[in-house]
Amino acid sequence: MKKVFFNAKVYVEKGVYAQAVLAEDGIIRAVGTDAEVLAAADADGLPYEKVDCGGRTMLPGLNDSHMHLLMFGRSLYKVKTDDVKSIDELVQRCRTFIKEHPDRVKHGMHSVGWNQDNFTEGEKRMPTRHDLDRISTEIPVVMERICGHMVSANTKAIEMLGFDREIPEIPGGEVRLEEDGFPSGIFTENACHVVNALIPNPTIGERQEAILAGMEYAVAHGLTSVQCNDVGYPECKGEGAFETYSQLYERGEALLRFRHQTLFDSPEEFEEYLTHGEGSRGGYGKGSWLTLGPLKLYMDGSLGARTAMMKNGYVGDPDNHGVSCITPEEMDRYCAIAKKYGVQVVTHAIGDLAIEETIDAYEKAFIDGENKLRHSVIHCQITDQKLIDRIVEKGILVQAQPIFMGSDMGVMQEIMEEPLISTSLNFGTMLRRGVHLSYGTDCPVEDCNPFLNLHQAINRRHQNGQPEGGFYPKECVDVETAIDAYTLESAYCEFQENVKGRIKPGYYADLIVLDKDIFTCDPLEIKDILPVLTVVGGKTVYQRDEK
């Protein structure tokens, strides 16, 4: 069935706008004036649907280049802790949740969201086992920091792990101790996975329920594609992990396009996946809606947890250079296997030392001296000028999260010194220098609402408008550049730039119609924009009821 979207302000590319779009069989067939597109639709004499956009602005569907959709969906069923202002509030909110939802915590309580940097009442510190024992001493309580690189657990959890008797060595992870040698309840990096494993994994049905809930939120906020690292985490690994997603697409229940970014426990497991597992099977998924993507690796932690790998350490803690989640030797093995089988690699790297080591590994695995597999650095926050130059020269992709600035601009000023601050989060500079830099949110670390993210990229200010003028405003980008980073550049990450990310003939009919003109409104109002219509492959997946 053909469909014509007319009476719109259609963003085609920088400086180029149209009025109408003809879509057929999920593909854009014509773009132009209302008269041109309606004439094209009438040419074969067949019936078609007409959608009057009411003069509103139309963009290509937005594409989050790195997030965790399952984790986000699961978080909607857990206690909300991302806005707590103190340890006491965290404790009380969890106690209330246990009373109101005992069925959801009968095997243990888990949530993601607290951030000690946002505590405004009481002590501004990380919660320990003693704090969480006030929530419960009967079930394991595991409270994950917003970044996902640190968890706090109660004494019951420590006892269930057997860490009250003997603490094993956890490569790439840390179990922080009290003065007497007993675990404090704070775990970082790879040790987090050990603690999180105490909470029973969801069934396939529970995973699918969460994924669909996440998809509903995503399309209601303008996302038509997501690149997700879900598979490989404890709650989505092993038998049934990939089937969780393929079943949704086979049943036609999925609402957007999904590309896997997959974790593995070892290089051997990765190669087994490529030779005998899911990665060896042709015809994966349902057309372009569900695809296999890159190998996902972790190099370091986060700024907020003080586990990002920093060359010169942290202010007040210069001997702390962060936590290395993978050895250089293991990283090289992963990249060599990826090169052998032609697989892209994307690596979480936040600190300058982590970014440097990631690029070192990538360069060894280049093909003919070039980054032909489009290896990418996820986050890429702390950079000096030499690192930026190297990213440009080597053609390294960057999957950035401007939305992180809301919390990290304050943290950076506490733990870093100039001039490093001035050359970090330099996403505007990278785009202007030709880096293939795309936008994502790392949701549920941050809200996957792309307009909150665009606000940060364009304005470099908190949602409350501070700091006035923006945080290092030279890194602000114009609206068109920001939209391109969220569409065409995200498609480039997927090798899809010729079919996704533009409203042009031959591209997927993925588009959104906005309730406000993002090109002419007050830039500080961008964060409040929402779509009234979201279309994926010509199919309406979200429409706001405006009655």
Protein backbone atom coordinates (compact mmCIF):
# COMPACT_ATOMS: atom_id res chain seq x y z
CA MET A 1 0.00 0.00 0.00
CA LYS A 2 1.28 3.43 -0.93
CA LYS A 3 1.22 6.27 1.55
CA VAL A 4 1.74 9.99 0.98
CA PHE A 5 2.79 12.29 3.80
CA PHE A 6 2.10 15.86 2.66
CA ASN A 7 1.87 19.41 4.00
CA ALA A 8 5.06 18.95 6.02
CA LYS A 9 8.41 20.65 6.51
CA VAL A 10 10.61 17.73 5.50
CA TYR A 11 14.29 17.83 6.48
CA VAL A 12 16.23 16.26 3.60
CA GLU A 13 19.80 17.35 4.36
CA LYS A 14 21.62 20.50 5.46
CA GLY A 15 19.91 23.47 3.88
CA VAL A 16 17.49 21.30 1.86
CA TYR A 17 13.82 20.88 2.75
CA ALA A 18 10.76 19.45 0.99
CA GLN A 19 7.00 19.25 1.54
CA ALA A 20 5.93 15.67 0.93
CA VAL A 21 7.05 12.04 0.90
CA LEU A 22 5.74 8.99 -0.98
CA ALA A 23 6.36 5.62 0.69
CA GLU A 24 5.61 2.21 -0.78
CA ASP A 25 6.52 -1.26 0.50
CA GLY A 26 8.47 0.32 3.34
CA ILE A 27 10.71 2.37 1.04
CA ILE A 28 10.66 6.07 0.19
CA ARG A 29 9.84 6.44 -3.51
CA ALA A 30 9.58 10.19 -3.96
CA VAL A 31 10.34 13.41 -2.07
CA GLY A 32 9.40 16.90 -3.22
CA THR A 33 6.63 19.45 -3.24
CA ASP A 34 3.07 18.42 -2.44
CA ALA A 35 2.16 18.66 -6.11
CA GLU A 36 5.16 16.63 -7.29
CA VAL A 37 4.68 13.81 -4.80
CA LEU A 38 0.90 13.58 -5.24
CA ALA A 39 1.41 13.41 -9.02
CA ALA A 40 3.93 10.58 -8.54
CA ALA A 41 1.43 8.74 -6.34
CA ASP A 42 -1.31 9.15 -8.95
CA ALA A 43 0.86 7.94 -11.84
CA ASP A 44 -0.14 4.26 -11.72
CA GLY A 45 -3.78 4.90 -10.87
CA LEU A 46 -3.69 2.72 -7.78
CA PRO A 47 -5.23 3.88 -4.47
CA TYR A 48 -3.09 5.21 -1.65
CA GLU A 49 -3.39 6.68 1.82
CA LYS A 50 -2.87 10.40 2.39
CA VAL A 51 -1.50 11.72 5.70
CA ASP A 52 -1.80 15.48 6.28
CA CYS A 53 1.10 16.52 8.52
CA GLY A 54 -0.47 19.90 9.29
CA GLY A 55 2.61 21.87 8.32
CA ARG A 56 4.69 20.19 11.01
CA THR A 57 8.38 19.31 10.83
CA MET A 58 9.39 15.85 9.63
CA LEU A 59 12.75 14.24 10.40
CA PRO A 60 14.31 10.88 9.54
CA GLY A 61 13.67 8.39 12.32
CA LEU A 62 16.24 8.80 15.10
CA ASN A 63 18.71 5.97 15.73
CA ASP A 64 20.27 5.42 19.18
CA SER A 65 23.75 4.07 18.42
CA HIS A 66 24.29 2.50 21.85
CA MET A 67 21.81 1.53 24.54
CA HIS A 68 20.45 -1.44 26.50
CA LEU A 69 16.78 -1.89 25.64
CA LEU A 70 16.15 -4.99 27.74
CA MET A 71 17.72 -3.41 30.81
CA PHE A 72 15.63 -0.30 30.26
CA GLY A 73 12.45 -2.30 29.91
CA ARG A 74 13.30 -4.31 33.00
CA SER A 75 13.94 -1.10 34.95
CA LEU A 76 10.32 -0.08 34.39
CA TYR A 77 9.29 -2.95 36.68
CA LYS A 78 11.84 -2.20 39.40
CA VAL A 79 12.11 0.37 42.17
CA LYS A 80 13.03 3.77 40.74
CA THR A 81 16.28 5.04 42.24
CA ASP A 82 17.70 7.40 39.62
CA ASP A 83 16.34 10.53 41.31
CA VAL A 84 17.00 9.78 44.98
CA LYS A 85 18.71 12.68 46.78
CA SER A 86 20.18 10.76 49.71
CA ILE A 87 21.00 7.34 51.06
CA ASP A 88 18.07 7.63 53.45
CA GLU A 89 15.70 8.25 50.55
CA LEU A 90 17.16 5.25 48.71
CA VAL A 91 16.55 3.05 51.75
CA GLN A 92 13.01 4.28 52.34
CA ARG A 93 12.00 3.98 48.69
CA CYS A 94 13.25 0.39 48.57
CA ARG A 95 11.46 -0.52 51.81
CA THR A 96 8.22 0.87 50.42
CA PHE A 97 8.66 -1.03 47.15
CA ILE A 98 9.14 -4.32 49.01
CA LYS A 99 5.88 -3.75 50.89
CA GLU A 100 3.95 -2.82 47.76
CA HIS A 101 5.45 -5.42 45.38
CA PRO A 102 6.56 -8.46 47.41
CA ASP A 103 6.13 -10.74 44.39
CA ARG A 104 8.78 -8.83 42.44
CA VAL A 105 11.47 -9.16 45.14
CA LYS A 106 10.81 -12.60 46.61
CA HIS A 107 14.15 -13.87 45.21
CA GLY A 108 16.04 -10.64 45.73
CA MET A 109 15.93 -6.92 44.97
CA HIS A 110 17.82 -5.25 42.15
CA SER A 111 17.70 -1.77 40.68
CA VAL A 112 19.85 0.62 38.66
CA GLY A 113 19.98 4.35 39.14
CA TRP A 114 21.52 5.84 42.29
CA ASN A 115 24.24 8.44 41.83
CA GLN A 116 26.09 9.73 44.87
CA ASP A 117 27.12 12.84 42.92
CA ASN A 118 23.45 13.87 42.96
CA PHE A 119 22.95 13.41 46.70
CA THR A 120 21.98 16.75 48.25
CA GLU A 121 21.00 15.53 51.71
CA GLY A 122 23.06 13.65 54.27
CA GLU A 123 26.42 12.16 53.33
CA LYS A 124 27.49 12.40 49.70
CA ARG A 125 29.01 8.94 49.44
CA MET A 126 28.41 5.51 48.00
CA PRO A 127 25.98 3.33 49.99
CA THR A 128 27.51 0.34 51.77
CA ARG A 129 26.19 -2.96 53.06
CA HIS A 130 25.27 -1.30 56.34
CA ASP A 131 22.96 1.10 54.53
CA LEU A 132 21.34 -1.64 52.48
CA ASP A 133 20.90 -3.86 55.53
CA ARG A 134 18.32 -1.26 56.58
CA ILE A 135 16.32 -2.31 53.50
CA SER A 136 16.41 -6.03 54.24
CA THR A 137 18.50 -8.68 55.92
CA GLU A 138 16.32 -11.51 54.57
CA ILE A 139 16.83 -11.19 50.80
CA PRO A 140 19.84 -10.10 48.73
CA VAL A 141 19.66 -6.40 47.91
CA VAL A 142 21.76 -5.26 44.95
CA MET A 143 21.66 -1.56 44.08
CA GLU A 144 23.52 -0.72 40.87
CA ARG A 145 24.98 2.74 40.33
CA ILE A 146 23.56 4.64 37.35
CA CYS A 147 26.68 3.95 35.28
CA GLY A 148 26.45 0.17 35.70
CA HIS A 149 30.10 0.01 36.78
CA MET A 150 29.55 -0.14 40.53
CA VAL A 151 27.04 -1.92 42.76
CA SER A 152 26.25 -1.82 46.45
CA ALA A 153 25.03 -5.00 48.09
CA ASN A 154 23.74 -5.88 51.56
CA THR A 155 25.29 -8.36 53.96
CA LYS A 156 22.85 -11.11 52.90
CA ALA A 157 24.19 -10.87 49.34
CA ILE A 158 27.79 -11.03 50.57
CA GLU A 159 27.00 -14.14 52.62
CA MET A 160 25.22 -15.83 49.70
CA LEU A 161 28.33 -15.25 47.57
CA GLY A 162 30.49 -16.76 50.30
CA PHE A 163 32.58 -13.61 50.42
CA ASP A 164 32.19 -13.49 54.21
CA ARG A 165 34.53 -16.49 54.29
CA GLU A 166 36.84 -16.07 51.30
CA ILE A 167 37.07 -13.42 48.59
CA PRO A 168 38.23 -14.76 45.22
CA GLU A 169 40.28 -12.74 42.80
CA ILE A 170 38.03 -11.28 40.10
CA PRO A 171 40.02 -10.16 37.01
CA GLY A 172 38.99 -6.67 35.99
CA GLY A 173 36.90 -6.23 39.12
CA GLU A 174 37.26 -4.99 42.68
CA VAL A 175 35.69 -5.98 46.00
CA ARG A 176 36.18 -3.05 48.34
CA LEU A 177 36.93 -3.96 51.93
CA GLU A 178 36.35 -2.47 55.35
CA GLU A 179 39.25 -1.94 57.76
CA ASP A 180 38.86 -5.45 59.20
CA GLY A 181 38.97 -7.05 55.74
CA PHE A 182 35.24 -7.78 55.48
CA PRO A 183 33.58 -6.69 52.20
CA SER A 184 32.07 -3.21 52.44
CA GLY A 185 29.31 -4.09 50.01
CA ILE A 186 30.80 -1.99 47.20
CA PHE A 187 31.85 -3.84 44.04
CA THR A 188 33.20 -2.42 40.79
CA GLU A 189 33.46 -3.46 37.13
CA ASN A 190 33.62 -7.24 36.52
CA ALA A 191 32.84 -7.90 40.18
CA CYS A 192 29.43 -6.32 39.54
CA HIS A 193 28.49 -9.25 37.32
CA VAL A 194 29.24 -11.68 40.12
CA VAL A 195 26.90 -9.86 42.49
CA ASN A 196 24.16 -9.28 39.93
CA ALA A 197 24.10 -13.02 39.24
CA LEU A 198 22.47 -13.49 42.65
CA ILE A 199 19.22 -12.18 41.22
CA PRO A 200 17.46 -14.87 39.14
CA ASN A 201 17.50 -14.19 35.41
CA PRO A 202 14.17 -13.42 33.74
CA THR A 203 12.44 -15.98 31.55
CA ILE A 204 12.16 -15.43 27.80
CA GLY A 205 8.58 -14.30 28.33
CA GLU A 206 9.63 -11.79 30.99
CA ARG A 207 12.42 -10.51 28.74
CA GLN A 208 10.03 -10.05 25.85
CA GLU A 209 7.53 -8.20 28.01
CA ALA A 210 10.30 -5.82 29.08
CA ILE A 211 11.63 -5.36 25.54
CA LEU A 212 8.18 -4.46 24.22
CA ALA A 213 7.68 -1.98 27.06
CA GLY A 214 11.01 -0.40 26.15
CA MET A 215 10.08 -0.28 22.48
CA GLU A 216 6.79 1.45 23.23
CA TYR A 217 8.62 4.17 25.13
CA ALA A 218 11.27 4.47 22.41
CA VAL A 219 8.91 4.99 19.46
CA ALA A 220 6.79 7.40 21.51
CA HIS A 221 9.92 9.54 21.80
CA GLY A 222 11.02 9.37 18.16
CA LEU A 223 13.37 6.40 17.95
CA THR A 224 12.95 4.11 14.94
CA SER A 225 16.23 2.19 15.29
CA VAL A 226 18.31 1.09 18.26
CA GLN A 227 21.73 -0.51 18.47
CA CYS A 228 21.63 -2.52 21.68
CA ASN A 229 24.00 -4.37 23.89
CA ASP A 230 21.69 -6.76 25.74
CA VAL A 231 22.93 -10.22 24.78
CA GLY A 232 25.91 -11.28 26.84
CA TYR A 233 24.82 -9.75 30.11
CA PRO A 234 23.84 -12.25 32.84
CA GLU A 235 20.11 -11.68 32.36
CA CYS A 236 20.31 -12.34 28.61
CA LYS A 237 22.92 -14.91 27.70
CA GLY A 238 23.18 -18.56 26.80
CA GLU A 239 20.34 -20.59 25.37
CA GLY A 240 17.38 -18.48 24.32
CA ALA A 241 19.21 -15.15 24.31
CA PHE A 242 18.94 -14.43 20.60
CA GLU A 243 15.59 -16.21 20.35
CA THR A 244 14.18 -13.67 22.78
CA TYR A 245 14.42 -11.08 20.00
CA SER A 246 13.89 -13.19 16.88
CA GLN A 247 10.57 -14.50 18.21
CA LEU A 248 9.27 -10.95 18.65
CA TYR A 249 10.18 -10.09 15.08
CA GLU A 250 8.87 -13.35 13.65
CA ARG A 251 5.53 -12.68 15.36
CA GLY A 252 5.46 -9.13 14.01
CA GLU A 253 5.26 -7.61 17.49
CA ALA A 254 8.44 -5.51 17.40
CA LEU A 255 8.03 -1.78 16.84
CA LEU A 256 11.44 -0.65 15.60
CA ARG A 257 14.68 -1.78 13.98
CA PHE A 258 17.15 -3.53 16.26
CA ARG A 259 20.87 -4.24 15.84
CA HIS A 260 22.69 -6.48 18.30
CA GLN A 261 25.93 -5.46 19.99
CA THR A 262 27.07 -8.64 21.72
CA LEU A 263 29.29 -9.39 24.73
CA PHE A 264 31.27 -12.59 25.22
CA ASP A 265 33.10 -14.08 28.19
CA SER A 266 36.22 -14.99 26.22
CA PRO A 267 37.76 -14.78 22.75
CA GLU A 268 37.11 -18.51 22.42
CA GLU A 269 33.38 -18.01 23.04
CA PHE A 270 33.37 -15.21 20.46
CA GLU A 271 34.95 -17.44 17.81
CA GLU A 272 32.57 -20.28 18.63
CA TYR A 273 29.65 -17.87 18.06
CA LEU A 274 31.09 -16.98 14.64
CA THR A 275 31.80 -20.55 13.53
CA HIS A 276 28.98 -22.59 15.06
CA GLY A 277 26.64 -20.20 16.84
CA GLU A 278 24.26 -17.41 15.93
CA GLY A 279 26.96 -15.52 14.05
CA SER A 280 27.41 -18.39 11.59
CA ARG A 281 23.79 -18.47 10.40
CA GLY A 282 22.71 -16.74 7.23
CA GLY A 283 19.42 -14.93 6.73
CA TYR A 284 19.29 -13.76 10.29
CA GLY A 285 16.16 -12.08 11.58
CA LYS A 286 13.37 -10.47 9.60
CA GLY A 287 14.96 -8.46 6.80
CA SER A 288 16.43 -5.17 7.92
CA TRP A 289 14.40 -4.96 11.12
CA LEU A 290 16.60 -7.31 13.17
CA THR A 291 20.31 -7.69 12.47
CA LEU A 292 23.47 -8.98 14.07
CA GLY A 293 26.06 -6.31 14.70
CA PRO A 294 29.45 -5.84 16.33
CA LEU A 295 31.41 -7.43 19.10
CA LYS A 296 31.05 -5.28 22.23
CA LEU A 297 33.99 -4.95 24.63
CA TYR A 298 34.65 -3.08 27.88
CA MET A 299 37.98 -1.37 28.39
CA ASP A 300 37.30 0.60 31.60
CA GLY A 301 34.69 1.90 34.02
CA SER A 302 33.05 5.28 34.54
CA LEU A 303 33.93 8.75 35.81
CA GLY A 304 31.29 8.73 38.53
CA ALA A 305 32.58 5.45 39.94
CA ARG A 306 36.18 6.73 39.59
CA THR A 307 36.99 3.58 37.60
CA ALA A 308 37.59 5.17 34.17
CA MET A 309 41.21 4.57 33.12
CA MET A 310 43.04 7.90 33.44
CA LYS A 311 46.67 8.45 32.46
CA ASN A 312 47.36 10.87 35.31
CA GLY A 313 44.86 9.55 37.84
CA TYR A 314 42.25 11.66 39.59
CA VAL A 315 42.48 14.96 41.46
CA GLY A 316 43.02 14.05 45.10
CA ASP A 317 43.72 10.44 44.13
CA PRO A 318 46.60 10.54 41.61
CA ASP A 319 47.57 6.90 42.13
CA ASN A 320 44.11 5.74 41.06
CA HIS A 321 44.31 5.12 37.33
CA GLY A 322 40.94 3.37 37.14
CA VAL A 323 40.06 -0.25 36.48
CA SER A 324 41.14 -2.14 33.38
CA CYS A 325 38.35 -4.57 32.44
CA ILE A 326 40.41 -6.41 29.82
CA THR A 327 44.10 -7.06 29.35
CA PRO A 328 45.86 -5.74 26.23
CA GLU A 329 46.63 -9.33 25.24
CA GLU A 330 42.98 -10.37 25.45
CA MET A 331 41.89 -7.25 23.59
CA ASP A 332 44.32 -8.07 20.79
CA ARG A 333 42.97 -11.62 20.56
CA TYR A 334 39.39 -10.39 20.27
CA CYS A 335 40.36 -7.90 17.56
CA ALA A 336 42.36 -10.49 15.63
CA ILE A 337 39.36 -12.83 15.54
CA ALA A 338 37.12 -9.95 14.48
CA LYS A 339 39.51 -9.18 11.61
CA LYS A 340 39.60 -12.82 10.55
CA TYR A 341 35.80 -13.00 10.25
CA GLY A 342 35.15 -9.42 9.16
CA VAL A 343 33.33 -8.31 12.31
CA GLN A 344 33.11 -4.76 13.63
CA VAL A 345 34.26 -4.06 17.21
CA VAL A 346 32.79 -1.40 19.49
CA THR A 347 34.48 -0.75 22.83
CA HIS A 348 33.38 1.10 25.95
CA ALA A 349 36.25 3.47 26.71
CA ILE A 350 35.80 6.63 28.80
CA GLY A 351 39.19 7.60 30.21
CA ASP A 352 42.08 8.85 28.07
CA LEU A 353 44.20 5.81 28.90
CA ALA A 354 41.37 3.45 27.95
CA ILE A 355 40.78 5.26 24.65
CA GLU A 356 44.49 5.13 23.82
CA GLU A 357 44.72 1.40 24.50
CA THR A 358 41.55 0.75 22.50
CA ILE A 359 42.92 2.57 19.45
CA ASP A 360 46.22 0.69 19.84
CA ALA A 361 44.37 -2.62 19.61
CA TYR A 362 42.21 -1.50 16.70
CA GLU A 363 45.20 -0.28 14.71
CA LYS A 364 46.87 -3.68 14.96
CA ALA A 365 43.73 -5.22 13.42
CA PHE A 366 43.22 -2.70 10.61
CA ILE A 367 42.78 -4.07 7.09
CA ASP A 368 45.35 -2.67 4.65
CA GLY A 369 46.17 -0.03 7.24
CA GLU A 370 42.61 1.31 7.31
CA ASN A 371 39.63 1.03 9.64
CA LYS A 372 37.53 -0.79 7.05
CA LEU A 373 35.48 -2.66 9.66
CA ARG A 374 34.50 0.68 11.22
CA HIS A 375 35.69 -0.13 14.73
CA SER A 376 34.29 2.39 17.17
CA VAL A 377 34.91 3.88 20.60
CA ILE A 378 31.76 4.09 22.70
CA HIS A 379 31.64 7.16 25.00
CA CYS A 380 35.14 8.53 24.20
CA GLN A 381 34.79 11.22 26.86
CA ILE A 382 38.26 12.12 28.15
CA THR A 383 40.61 13.14 25.36
CA ASP A 384 43.66 15.34 24.92
CA GLN A 385 44.52 16.97 21.62
CA LYS A 386 46.83 14.13 20.55
CA LEU A 387 44.05 11.58 21.04
CA ILE A 388 41.59 13.64 19.02
CA ASP A 389 44.16 14.00 16.24
CA ARG A 390 44.70 10.26 16.26
CA ILE A 391 40.96 9.50 16.11
CA VAL A 392 40.70 11.79 13.08
CA GLU A 393 43.77 10.42 11.32
CA LYS A 394 42.93 6.75 11.90
CA GLY A 395 39.26 7.05 10.93
CA ILE A 396 38.02 5.73 14.29
CA LEU A 397 34.26 5.97 14.78
CA VAL A 398 32.85 7.49 17.97
CA GLN A 399 29.50 6.59 19.51
CA ALA A 400 28.97 9.53 21.87
CA GLN A 401 26.41 10.37 24.58
CA PRO A 402 26.06 14.17 24.85
CA ILE A 403 23.36 13.58 27.47
CA PHE A 404 26.11 12.43 29.88
CA MET A 405 27.16 16.07 30.25
CA GLY A 406 24.24 16.72 32.57
CA SER A 407 25.93 14.73 35.32
CA ASP A 408 29.55 14.62 34.17
CA MET A 409 30.27 18.33 33.74
CA GLY A 410 30.21 18.74 37.53
CA VAL A 411 32.12 15.51 38.17
CA MET A 412 34.86 16.45 35.71
CA GLN A 413 35.52 19.72 37.51
CA GLU A 414 35.99 17.76 40.76
CA ILE A 415 38.27 15.00 39.50
CA MET A 416 40.16 16.57 36.58
CA GLU A 417 42.29 19.61 35.88
CA GLU A 418 42.67 21.96 32.95
CA PRO A 419 43.62 21.71 30.15
CA LEU A 420 42.28 18.14 30.00
CA ILE A 421 38.73 19.29 30.80
CA SER A 422 38.79 21.71 27.86
CA THR A 423 39.70 18.96 25.38
CA SER A 424 37.23 16.39 26.72
CA LEU A 425 33.63 15.84 25.59
CA ASN A 426 34.83 17.58 22.41
CA PHE A 427 32.11 16.09 20.26
CA GLY A 428 31.54 19.28 18.28
CA THR A 429 35.21 19.50 17.34
CA MET A 430 35.24 15.86 16.25
CA LEU A 431 32.21 16.30 14.00
CA ARG A 432 33.67 19.42 12.43
CA ARG A 433 36.91 17.56 11.76
CA GLY A 434 35.08 14.81 9.92
CA VAL A 435 34.89 12.08 12.57
CA HIS A 436 31.98 9.69 12.04
CA LEU A 437 30.41 10.49 15.40
CA SER A 438 26.92 9.26 16.25
CA TYR A 439 24.62 9.89 19.18
CA GLY A 440 23.24 7.45 21.72
CA THR A 441 22.15 7.49 25.35
CA ASP A 442 23.47 4.27 26.94
CA CYS A 443 19.92 3.95 28.30
CA PRO A 444 19.07 3.10 31.08
CA VAL A 445 22.16 4.99 32.21
CA GLU A 446 20.32 8.00 30.77
CA ASP A 447 16.82 8.48 29.39
CA CYS A 448 16.63 7.28 25.77
CA ASN A 449 14.45 10.29 24.89
CA PRO A 450 16.56 11.65 21.99
CA PHE A 451 15.39 15.23 22.44
CA LEU A 452 17.02 15.42 25.87
CA ASN A 453 20.20 14.24 24.17
CA LEU A 454 19.87 16.72 21.31
CA HIS A 455 19.39 19.50 23.87
CA GLN A 456 22.76 18.67 25.43
CA ALA A 457 24.54 18.46 22.07
CA ILE A 458 23.12 21.76 20.83
CA ASN A 459 23.08 23.79 24.07
CA ARG A 460 25.65 22.08 26.36
CA ARG A 461 23.44 23.02 29.33
CA HIS A 462 21.54 21.15 32.04
CA GLN A 463 17.82 20.79 31.61
CA ASN A 464 17.54 23.71 34.06
CA GLY A 465 19.43 25.90 31.57
CA GLN A 466 22.72 26.04 33.50
CA PRO A 467 25.45 26.97 33.01
CA GLU A 468 24.35 30.04 31.12
CA GLY A 469 26.11 30.13 27.78
CA GLY A 470 26.88 26.41 27.93
CA PHE A 471 29.66 24.13 29.18
CA TYR A 472 32.60 24.89 26.87
CA PRO A 473 30.20 26.36 24.29
CA LYS A 474 32.72 26.04 21.46
CA GLU A 475 31.63 22.40 21.40
CA CYS A 476 27.98 23.23 20.70
CA VAL A 477 26.67 22.10 17.30
CA ASP A 478 23.88 23.45 15.13
CA VAL A 479 20.53 21.65 14.91
CA GLU A 480 21.13 20.12 11.49
CA THR A 481 24.52 18.70 12.53
CA ALA A 482 22.98 17.20 15.66
CA ILE A 483 20.15 15.58 13.71
CA ASP A 484 22.61 14.14 11.18
CA ALA A 485 24.62 12.62 14.05
CA TYR A 486 21.44 10.93 15.32
CA THR A 487 20.40 9.65 11.89
CA LEU A 488 22.94 9.35 9.09
CA GLU A 489 25.97 8.90 11.36
CA SER A 490 24.18 6.27 13.44
CA ALA A 491 23.33 4.50 10.18
CA TYR A 492 27.02 4.69 9.20
CA CYS A 493 27.84 2.68 12.34
CA GLU A 494 25.65 -0.08 10.89
CA PHE A 495 26.98 0.13 7.31
CA GLN A 496 23.45 1.32 6.47
CA GLU A 497 24.11 4.91 5.41
CA ASN A 498 22.85 4.26 1.88
CA VAL A 499 19.40 3.10 3.04
CA LYS A 500 18.84 4.67 6.45
CA GLY A 501 19.13 8.11 8.03
CA ARG A 502 17.80 10.31 5.24
CA ILE A 503 14.40 11.11 3.78
CA LYS A 504 15.36 10.40 0.19
CA PRO A 505 14.19 8.00 -2.54
CA GLY A 506 15.51 4.49 -1.93
CA TYR A 507 15.85 4.90 1.82
CA TYR A 508 13.73 3.12 4.43
CA ALA A 509 10.48 4.93 5.16
CA ASP A 510 11.49 5.63 8.77
CA LEU A 511 10.34 9.08 9.82
CA ILE A 512 8.91 11.16 12.63
CA VAL A 513 6.62 14.21 12.69
CA LEU A 514 7.25 16.64 15.56
CA ASP A 515 4.94 18.74 17.73
CA LYS A 516 7.31 21.71 17.43
CA ASP A 517 9.69 22.96 14.74
CA ILE A 518 13.12 21.99 16.03
CA PHE A 519 14.79 24.32 13.50
CA THR A 520 13.06 27.53 14.58
CA CYS A 521 12.04 27.08 18.22
CA ASP A 522 14.01 28.48 21.15
CA PRO A 523 16.98 26.06 21.46
CA LEU A 524 16.22 25.60 25.16
CA GLU A 525 12.78 24.21 24.18
CA ILE A 526 14.28 21.34 22.16
CA LYS A 527 14.31 19.13 25.25
CA ASP A 528 10.49 19.38 25.40
CA ILE A 529 9.81 18.29 21.81
CA LEU A 530 7.95 15.04 21.20
CA PRO A 531 6.72 13.29 18.06
CA VAL A 532 3.06 13.19 17.10
CA LEU A 533 3.74 10.42 14.60
CA THR A 534 6.43 7.73 14.33
CA VAL A 535 6.69 5.58 11.20
CA VAL A 536 9.00 2.59 10.64
CA GLY A 537 9.16 1.00 7.22
CA GLY A 538 6.05 2.92 6.21
CA LYS A 539 4.12 1.48 9.15
CA THR A 540 2.74 3.79 11.83
CA VAL A 541 4.07 2.50 15.14
CA TYR A 542 3.08 5.48 17.27
CA GLN A 543 0.50 8.25 16.91
CA ARG A 544 -0.34 10.72 19.61
CA ASP A 545 -3.98 11.00 20.52
CA GLU A 546 -4.55 14.76 20.38
CA LYS A 547 -8.28 14.78 21.05
